[in-house]
Amino acid sequence: MEPILLRTKEAAKLCGITAKTWRSWSQFGKTPRPLVIGKLHFWRYEELVEWVAAGCPNRKDWKFQRTSKIEPLKRHNTKP
């Protein structure tokens, strides 16, 4: 089972390139937009698979369309 979120090194490895190349591509908008949490950058495994299947378009041309049947998590109402 693949992790849901991939860090730079993992995303690069999944795509068969070095982390240095991945960072460069990301800096120039050639990868999907990362999720930034604190100072860390993450990419969705599911999105990267779809991005590669679409021919690795530039970020400005890429729009992620969820194709899996994974349901988004629902927030529970914590108010009484």
PDB file of N, CA and C in Angstrom:
ATOM      1  N   MET A   1       0.830  -1.171   0.000  1.00  0.00           N
ATOM      2  CA  MET A   1       0.000   0.000   0.000  1.00  0.00           C
ATOM      3  C   MET A   1       0.882   1.245   0.000  1.00  0.00           C
ATOM      4  N   GLU A   2       0.616   2.155  -0.912  1.00  0.00           N
ATOM      5  CA  GLU A   2       1.386   3.397  -1.012  1.00  0.00           C
ATOM      6  C   GLU A   2       0.877   4.413   0.001  1.00  0.00           C
ATOM      7  N   PRO A   3       1.768   5.272   0.499  1.00  0.00           N
ATOM      8  CA  PRO A   3       1.296   6.335   1.387  1.00  0.00           C
ATOM      9  C   PRO A   3       0.428   7.310   0.609  1.00  0.00           C
ATOM     10  N   ILE A   4      -0.438   8.001   1.297  1.00  0.00           N
ATOM     11  CA  ILE A   4      -1.329   8.970   0.648  1.00  0.00           C
ATOM     12  C   ILE A   4      -0.554  10.208   0.221  1.00  0.00           C
ATOM     13  N   LEU A   5       0.338  10.675   1.090  1.00  0.00           N
ATOM     14  CA  LEU A   5       1.152  11.850   0.792  1.00  0.00           C
ATOM     15  C   LEU A   5       2.613  11.450   0.658  1.00  0.00           C
ATOM     16  N   LEU A   6       3.272  12.038  -0.337  1.00  0.00           N
ATOM     17  CA  LEU A   6       4.678  11.749  -0.584  1.00  0.00           C
ATOM     18  C   LEU A   6       5.504  13.010  -0.388  1.00  0.00           C
ATOM     19  N   ARG A   7       6.651  12.867   0.256  1.00  0.00           N
ATOM     20  CA  ARG A   7       7.584  13.980   0.361  1.00  0.00           C
ATOM     21  C   ARG A   7       8.384  14.054  -0.919  1.00  0.00           C
ATOM     22  N   THR A   8       9.213  15.058  -1.043  1.00  0.00           N
ATOM     23  CA  THR A   8       9.971  15.312  -2.268  1.00  0.00           C
ATOM     24  C   THR A   8      10.715  14.079  -2.761  1.00  0.00           C
ATOM     25  N   LYS A   9      11.476  13.458  -1.886  1.00  0.00           N
ATOM     26  CA  LYS A   9      12.291  12.301  -2.285  1.00  0.00           C
ATOM     27  C   LYS A   9      11.417  11.147  -2.782  1.00  0.00           C
ATOM     28  N   GLU A  10      10.295  10.920  -2.101  1.00  0.00           N
ATOM     29  CA  GLU A  10       9.390   9.830  -2.482  1.00  0.00           C
ATOM     30  C   GLU A  10       8.692  10.126  -3.806  1.00  0.00           C
ATOM     31  N   ALA A  11       8.267  11.385  -4.002  1.00  0.00           N
ATOM     32  CA  ALA A  11       7.613  11.770  -5.254  1.00  0.00           C
ATOM     33  C   ALA A  11       8.580  11.619  -6.422  1.00  0.00           C
ATOM     34  N   ALA A  12       9.813  12.043  -6.209  1.00  0.00           N
ATOM     35  CA  ALA A  12      10.838  11.924  -7.248  1.00  0.00           C
ATOM     36  C   ALA A  12      11.091  10.463  -7.600  1.00  0.00           C
ATOM     37  N   LYS A  13      11.228   9.634  -6.580  1.00  0.00           N
ATOM     38  CA  LYS A  13      11.486   8.207  -6.803  1.00  0.00           C
ATOM     39  C   LYS A  13      10.329   7.560  -7.565  1.00  0.00           C
ATOM     40  N   LEU A  14       9.100   7.908  -7.192  1.00  0.00           N
ATOM     41  CA  LEU A  14       7.928   7.370  -7.882  1.00  0.00           C
ATOM     42  C   LEU A  14       7.973   7.699  -9.372  1.00  0.00           C
ATOM     43  N   CYS A  15       8.482   8.889  -9.700  1.00  0.00           N
ATOM     44  CA  CYS A  15       8.533   9.334 -11.099  1.00  0.00           C
ATOM     45  C   CYS A  15       9.854   8.993 -11.779  1.00  0.00           C
ATOM     46  N   GLY A  16      10.754   8.330 -11.061  1.00  0.00           N
ATOM     47  CA  GLY A  16      11.994   7.847 -11.665  1.00  0.00           C
ATOM     48  C   GLY A  16      13.057   8.915 -11.881  1.00  0.00           C
ATOM     49  N   ILE A  17      13.052   9.977 -11.051  1.00  0.00           N
ATOM     50  CA  ILE A  17      14.053  11.026 -11.171  1.00  0.00           C
ATOM     51  C   ILE A  17      14.665  11.292  -9.800  1.00  0.00           C
ATOM     52  N   THR A  18      15.682  12.133  -9.762  1.00  0.00           N
ATOM     53  CA  THR A  18      16.316  12.473  -8.489  1.00  0.00           C
ATOM     54  C   THR A  18      15.498  13.537  -7.763  1.00  0.00           C
ATOM     55  N   ALA A  19      15.710  13.615  -6.456  1.00  0.00           N
ATOM     56  CA  ALA A  19      15.028  14.644  -5.658  1.00  0.00           C
ATOM     57  C   ALA A  19      15.450  16.035  -6.125  1.00  0.00           C
ATOM     58  N   LYS A  20      16.698  16.193  -6.517  1.00  0.00           N
ATOM     59  CA  LYS A  20      17.183  17.495  -7.003  1.00  0.00           C
ATOM     60  C   LYS A  20      16.422  17.914  -8.261  1.00  0.00           C
ATOM     61  N   THR A  21      16.234  16.985  -9.174  1.00  0.00           N
ATOM     62  CA  THR A  21      15.479  17.283 -10.398  1.00  0.00           C
ATOM     63  C   THR A  21      14.029  17.592 -10.063  1.00  0.00           C
ATOM     64  N   TRP A  22      13.443  16.816  -9.145  1.00  0.00           N
ATOM     65  CA  TRP A  22      12.047  17.054  -8.744  1.00  0.00           C
ATOM     66  C   TRP A  22      11.871  18.453  -8.168  1.00  0.00           C
ATOM     67  N   ARG A  23      12.812  18.865  -7.285  1.00  0.00           N
ATOM     68  CA  ARG A  23      12.735  20.207  -6.695  1.00  0.00           C
ATOM     69  C   ARG A  23      12.839  21.275  -7.776  1.00  0.00           C
ATOM     70  N   SER A  24      13.712  21.062  -8.733  1.00  0.00           N
ATOM     71  CA  SER A  24      13.865  22.013  -9.835  1.00  0.00           C
ATOM     72  C   SER A  24      12.587  22.089 -10.663  1.00  0.00           C
ATOM     73  N   TRP A  25      12.039  20.928 -11.013  1.00  0.00           N
ATOM     74  CA  TRP A  25      10.786  20.911 -11.784  1.00  0.00           C
ATOM     75  C   TRP A  25       9.679  21.626 -11.019  1.00  0.00           C
ATOM     76  N   SER A  26       9.590  21.365  -9.727  1.00  0.00           N
ATOM     77  CA  SER A  26       8.543  21.977  -8.916  1.00  0.00           C
ATOM     78  C   SER A  26       8.718  23.494  -8.865  1.00  0.00           C
ATOM     79  N   GLN A  27       9.962  23.940  -8.703  1.00  0.00           N
ATOM     80  CA  GLN A  27      10.244  25.369  -8.652  1.00  0.00           C
ATOM     81  C   GLN A  27       9.801  26.074  -9.940  1.00  0.00           C
ATOM     82  N   PHE A  28       9.924  25.392 -11.062  1.00  0.00           N
ATOM     83  CA  PHE A  28       9.563  25.978 -12.351  1.00  0.00           C
ATOM     84  C   PHE A  28       8.155  25.609 -12.811  1.00  0.00           C
ATOM     85  N   GLY A  29       7.344  25.028 -11.913  1.00  0.00           N
ATOM     86  CA  GLY A  29       5.949  24.748 -12.228  1.00  0.00           C
ATOM     87  C   GLY A  29       5.717  23.571 -13.153  1.00  0.00           C
ATOM     88  N   LYS A  30       6.617  22.612 -13.131  1.00  0.00           N
ATOM     89  CA  LYS A  30       6.481  21.451 -14.018  1.00  0.00           C
ATOM     90  C   LYS A  30       5.924  20.224 -13.308  1.00  0.00           C
ATOM     91  N   THR A  31       5.511  20.391 -12.045  1.00  0.00           N
ATOM     92  CA  THR A  31       4.884  19.307 -11.281  1.00  0.00           C
ATOM     93  C   THR A  31       3.541  19.803 -10.772  1.00  0.00           C
ATOM     94  N   PRO A  32       2.701  18.910 -10.301  1.00  0.00           N
ATOM     95  CA  PRO A  32       1.478  19.383  -9.638  1.00  0.00           C
ATOM     96  C   PRO A  32       1.840  20.243  -8.428  1.00  0.00           C
ATOM     97  N   ARG A  33       0.933  21.102  -8.026  1.00  0.00           N
ATOM     98  CA  ARG A  33       1.154  21.972  -6.867  1.00  0.00           C
ATOM     99  C   ARG A  33       1.263  21.118  -5.607  1.00  0.00           C
ATOM    100  N   PRO A  34       2.316  21.361  -4.814  1.00  0.00           N
ATOM    101  CA  PRO A  34       2.447  20.586  -3.575  1.00  0.00           C
ATOM    102  C   PRO A  34       1.512  21.103  -2.486  1.00  0.00           C
ATOM    103  N   LEU A  35       1.250  20.244  -1.534  1.00  0.00           N
ATOM    104  CA  LEU A  35       0.583  20.662  -0.311  1.00  0.00           C
ATOM    105  C   LEU A  35       1.701  21.099   0.627  1.00  0.00           C
ATOM    106  N   VAL A  36       1.613  22.278   1.182  1.00  0.00           N
ATOM    107  CA  VAL A  36       2.660  22.770   2.067  1.00  0.00           C
ATOM    108  C   VAL A  36       2.115  22.758   3.490  1.00  0.00           C
ATOM    109  N   ILE A  37       2.790  22.011   4.337  1.00  0.00           N
ATOM    110  CA  ILE A  37       2.431  21.918   5.743  1.00  0.00           C
ATOM    111  C   ILE A  37       3.669  22.334   6.523  1.00  0.00           C
ATOM    112  N   GLY A  38       3.576  23.492   7.156  1.00  0.00           N
ATOM    113  CA  GLY A  38       4.764  24.052   7.788  1.00  0.00           C
ATOM    114  C   GLY A  38       5.763  24.392   6.696  1.00  0.00           C
ATOM    115  N   LYS A  39       6.949  23.814   6.793  1.00  0.00           N
ATOM    116  CA  LYS A  39       7.968  24.028   5.761  1.00  0.00           C
ATOM    117  C   LYS A  39       8.105  22.824   4.833  1.00  0.00           C
ATOM    118  N   LEU A  40       7.285  21.812   5.060  1.00  0.00           N
ATOM    119  CA  LEU A  40       7.386  20.580   4.268  1.00  0.00           C
ATOM    120  C   LEU A  40       6.443  20.596   3.082  1.00  0.00           C
ATOM    121  N   HIS A  41       6.920  20.052   1.978  1.00  0.00           N
ATOM    122  CA  HIS A  41       6.105  19.932   0.772  1.00  0.00           C
ATOM    123  C   HIS A  41       5.718  18.470   0.578  1.00  0.00           C
ATOM    124  N   PHE A  42       4.441  18.250   0.258  1.00  0.00           N
ATOM    125  CA  PHE A  42       3.913  16.913   0.021  1.00  0.00           C
ATOM    126  C   PHE A  42       3.143  16.906  -1.292  1.00  0.00           C
ATOM    127  N   TRP A  43       3.119  15.737  -1.936  1.00  0.00           N
ATOM    128  CA  TRP A  43       2.305  15.531  -3.124  1.00  0.00           C
ATOM    129  C   TRP A  43       1.408  14.340  -2.875  1.00  0.00           C
ATOM    130  N   ARG A  44       0.194  14.396  -3.398  1.00  0.00           N
ATOM    131  CA  ARG A  44      -0.752  13.284  -3.253  1.00  0.00           C
ATOM    132  C   ARG A  44      -0.343  12.154  -4.208  1.00  0.00           C
ATOM    133  N   TYR A  45      -0.206  10.965  -3.667  1.00  0.00           N
ATOM    134  CA  TYR A  45       0.138   9.796  -4.501  1.00  0.00           C
ATOM    135  C   TYR A  45      -0.855   9.667  -5.649  1.00  0.00           C
ATOM    136  N   GLU A  46      -2.139   9.720  -5.319  1.00  0.00           N
ATOM    137  CA  GLU A  46      -3.195   9.556  -6.314  1.00  0.00           C
ATOM    138  C   GLU A  46      -3.074  10.609  -7.419  1.00  0.00           C
ATOM    139  N   GLU A  47      -2.766  11.834  -7.048  1.00  0.00           N
ATOM    140  CA  GLU A  47      -2.642  12.899  -8.040  1.00  0.00           C
ATOM    141  C   GLU A  47      -1.439  12.675  -8.945  1.00  0.00           C
ATOM    142  N   LEU A  48      -0.325  12.224  -8.380  1.00  0.00           N
ATOM    143  CA  LEU A  48       0.854  11.982  -9.209  1.00  0.00           C
ATOM    144  C   LEU A  48       0.607  10.882 -10.237  1.00  0.00           C
ATOM    145  N   VAL A  49      -0.100   9.845  -9.835  1.00  0.00           N
ATOM    146  CA  VAL A  49      -0.425   8.765 -10.777  1.00  0.00           C
ATOM    147  C   VAL A  49      -1.261   9.315 -11.938  1.00  0.00           C
ATOM    148  N   GLU A  50      -2.260  10.131 -11.620  1.00  0.00           N
ATOM    149  CA  GLU A  50      -3.114  10.728 -12.652  1.00  0.00           C
ATOM    150  C   GLU A  50      -2.328  11.712 -13.518  1.00  0.00           C
ATOM    151  N   TRP A  51      -1.439  12.488 -12.903  1.00  0.00           N
ATOM    152  CA  TRP A  51      -0.624  13.469 -13.611  1.00  0.00           C
ATOM    153  C   TRP A  51       0.270  12.774 -14.644  1.00  0.00           C
ATOM    154  N   VAL A  52       0.900  11.678 -14.255  1.00  0.00           N
ATOM    155  CA  VAL A  52       1.748  10.923 -15.186  1.00  0.00           C
ATOM    156  C   VAL A  52       0.895  10.336 -16.311  1.00  0.00           C
ATOM    157  N   ALA A  53      -0.274   9.784 -15.975  1.00  0.00           N
ATOM    158  CA  ALA A  53      -1.166   9.215 -16.997  1.00  0.00           C
ATOM    159  C   ALA A  53      -1.614  10.277 -17.998  1.00  0.00           C
ATOM    160  N   ALA A  54      -1.667  11.537 -17.555  1.00  0.00           N
ATOM    161  CA  ALA A  54      -2.083  12.640 -18.433  1.00  0.00           C
ATOM    162  C   ALA A  54      -0.917  13.209 -19.236  1.00  0.00           C
ATOM    163  N   GLY A  55       0.266  12.646 -19.064  1.00  0.00           N
ATOM    164  CA  GLY A  55       1.417  13.099 -19.843  1.00  0.00           C
ATOM    165  C   GLY A  55       2.279  14.147 -19.154  1.00  0.00           C
ATOM    166  N   CYS A  56       2.157  14.295 -17.851  1.00  0.00           N
ATOM    167  CA  CYS A  56       2.959  15.226 -17.052  1.00  0.00           C
ATOM    168  C   CYS A  56       2.854  16.680 -17.525  1.00  0.00           C
ATOM    169  N   PRO A  57       1.635  17.211 -17.607  1.00  0.00           N
ATOM    170  CA  PRO A  57       1.494  18.605 -18.050  1.00  0.00           C
ATOM    171  C   PRO A  57       2.045  19.592 -17.023  1.00  0.00           C
ATOM    172  N   ASN A  58       2.357  20.796 -17.478  1.00  0.00           N
ATOM    173  CA  ASN A  58       2.802  21.856 -16.573  1.00  0.00           C
ATOM    174  C   ASN A  58       1.712  22.168 -15.569  1.00  0.00           C
ATOM    175  N   ARG A  59       2.108  22.722 -14.437  1.00  0.00           N
ATOM    176  CA  ARG A  59       1.177  23.040 -13.352  1.00  0.00           C
ATOM    177  C   ARG A  59       0.025  23.927 -13.821  1.00  0.00           C
ATOM    178  N   LYS A  60       0.307  24.912 -14.663  1.00  0.00           N
ATOM    179  CA  LYS A  60      -0.759  25.826 -15.094  1.00  0.00           C
ATOM    180  C   LYS A  60      -1.804  25.119 -15.956  1.00  0.00           C
ATOM    181  N   ASP A  61      -1.425  24.024 -16.595  1.00  0.00           N
ATOM    182  CA  ASP A  61      -2.353  23.276 -17.444  1.00  0.00           C
ATOM    183  C   ASP A  61      -2.987  22.086 -16.739  1.00  0.00           C
ATOM    184  N   TRP A  62      -2.540  21.801 -15.536  1.00  0.00           N
ATOM    185  CA  TRP A  62      -2.983  20.603 -14.815  1.00  0.00           C
ATOM    186  C   TRP A  62      -4.135  20.917 -13.882  1.00  0.00           C
ATOM    187  N   LYS A  63      -5.174  20.124 -13.976  1.00  0.00           N
ATOM    188  CA  LYS A  63      -6.269  20.200 -13.025  1.00  0.00           C
ATOM    189  C   LYS A  63      -6.555  18.773 -12.586  1.00  0.00           C
ATOM    190  N   PHE A  64      -6.368  18.529 -11.296  1.00  0.00           N
ATOM    191  CA  PHE A  64      -6.550  17.185 -10.757  1.00  0.00           C
ATOM    192  C   PHE A  64      -8.032  16.852 -10.698  1.00  0.00           C
ATOM    193  N   GLN A  65      -8.400  15.760 -11.322  1.00  0.00           N
ATOM    194  CA  GLN A  65      -9.766  15.255 -11.289  1.00  0.00           C
ATOM    195  C   GLN A  65      -9.735  13.925 -10.555  1.00  0.00           C
ATOM    196  N   ARG A  66     -10.286  13.905  -9.357  1.00  0.00           N
ATOM    197  CA  ARG A  66     -10.281  12.672  -8.569  1.00  0.00           C
ATOM    198  C   ARG A  66     -11.058  11.599  -9.327  1.00  0.00           C
ATOM    199  N   THR A  67     -10.395  10.479  -9.598  1.00  0.00           N
ATOM    200  CA  THR A  67     -11.052   9.400 -10.323  1.00  0.00           C
ATOM    201  C   THR A  67     -11.298   8.171  -9.460  1.00  0.00           C
ATOM    202  N   SER A  68     -10.678   8.145  -8.288  1.00  0.00           N
ATOM    203  CA  SER A  68     -10.875   6.972  -7.441  1.00  0.00           C
ATOM    204  C   SER A  68     -12.186   7.085  -6.676  1.00  0.00           C
ATOM    205  N   LYS A  69     -12.545   5.996  -6.054  1.00  0.00           N
ATOM    206  CA  LYS A  69     -13.789   5.968  -5.295  1.00  0.00           C
ATOM    207  C   LYS A  69     -13.555   6.208  -3.811  1.00  0.00           C
ATOM    208  N   ILE A  70     -12.401   6.764  -3.484  1.00  0.00           N
ATOM    209  CA  ILE A  70     -12.108   7.074  -2.088  1.00  0.00           C
ATOM    210  C   ILE A  70     -12.963   8.262  -1.682  1.00  0.00           C
ATOM    211  N   GLU A  71     -13.719   8.080  -0.638  1.00  0.00           N
ATOM    212  CA  GLU A  71     -14.585   9.156  -0.154  1.00  0.00           C
ATOM    213  C   GLU A  71     -13.777  10.112   0.711  1.00  0.00           C
ATOM    214  N   PRO A  72     -13.966  11.423   0.539  1.00  0.00           N
ATOM    215  CA  PRO A  72     -13.271  12.357   1.423  1.00  0.00           C
ATOM    216  C   PRO A  72     -13.708  12.165   2.869  1.00  0.00           C
ATOM    217  N   LEU A  73     -12.804  12.438   3.787  1.00  0.00           N
ATOM    218  CA  LEU A  73     -13.140  12.313   5.201  1.00  0.00           C
ATOM    219  C   LEU A  73     -14.156  13.376   5.576  1.00  0.00           C
ATOM    220  N   LYS A  74     -15.123  12.996   6.384  1.00  0.00           N
ATOM    221  CA  LYS A  74     -16.125  13.945   6.850  1.00  0.00           C
ATOM    222  C   LYS A  74     -15.739  14.411   8.237  1.00  0.00           C
ATOM    223  N   ARG A  75     -15.901  15.696   8.457  1.00  0.00           N
ATOM    224  CA  ARG A  75     -15.603  16.237   9.776  1.00  0.00           C
ATOM    225  C   ARG A  75     -16.772  15.992  10.710  1.00  0.00           C
ATOM    226  N   HIS A  76     -16.434  15.638  11.917  1.00  0.00           N
ATOM    227  CA  HIS A  76     -17.470  15.426  12.923  1.00  0.00           C
ATOM    228  C   HIS A  76     -17.744  16.738  13.626  1.00  0.00           C
ATOM    229  N   ASN A  77     -18.982  17.001  13.845  1.00  0.00           N
ATOM    230  CA  ASN A  77     -19.371  18.203  14.569  1.00  0.00           C
ATOM    231  C   ASN A  77     -19.066  17.992  16.047  1.00  0.00           C
ATOM    232  N   THR A  78     -18.161  18.821  16.576  1.00  0.00           N
ATOM    233  CA  THR A  78     -17.777  18.646  17.987  1.00  0.00           C
ATOM    234  C   THR A  78     -18.559  19.567  18.905  1.00  0.00           C
ATOM    235  N   LYS A  79     -19.379  20.424  18.328  1.00  0.00           N
ATOM    236  CA  LYS A  79     -20.188  21.325  19.157  1.00  0.00           C
ATOM    237  C   LYS A  79     -21.382  20.567  19.733  1.00  0.00           C
ATOM    238  N   PRO A  80     -21.748  20.863  21.012  1.00  0.00           N
ATOM    239  CA  PRO A  80     -22.884  20.156  21.626  1.00  0.00           C
ATOM    240  C   PRO A  80     -24.208  20.532  21.003  1.00  0.00           C
TER     241      PRO A  80
END
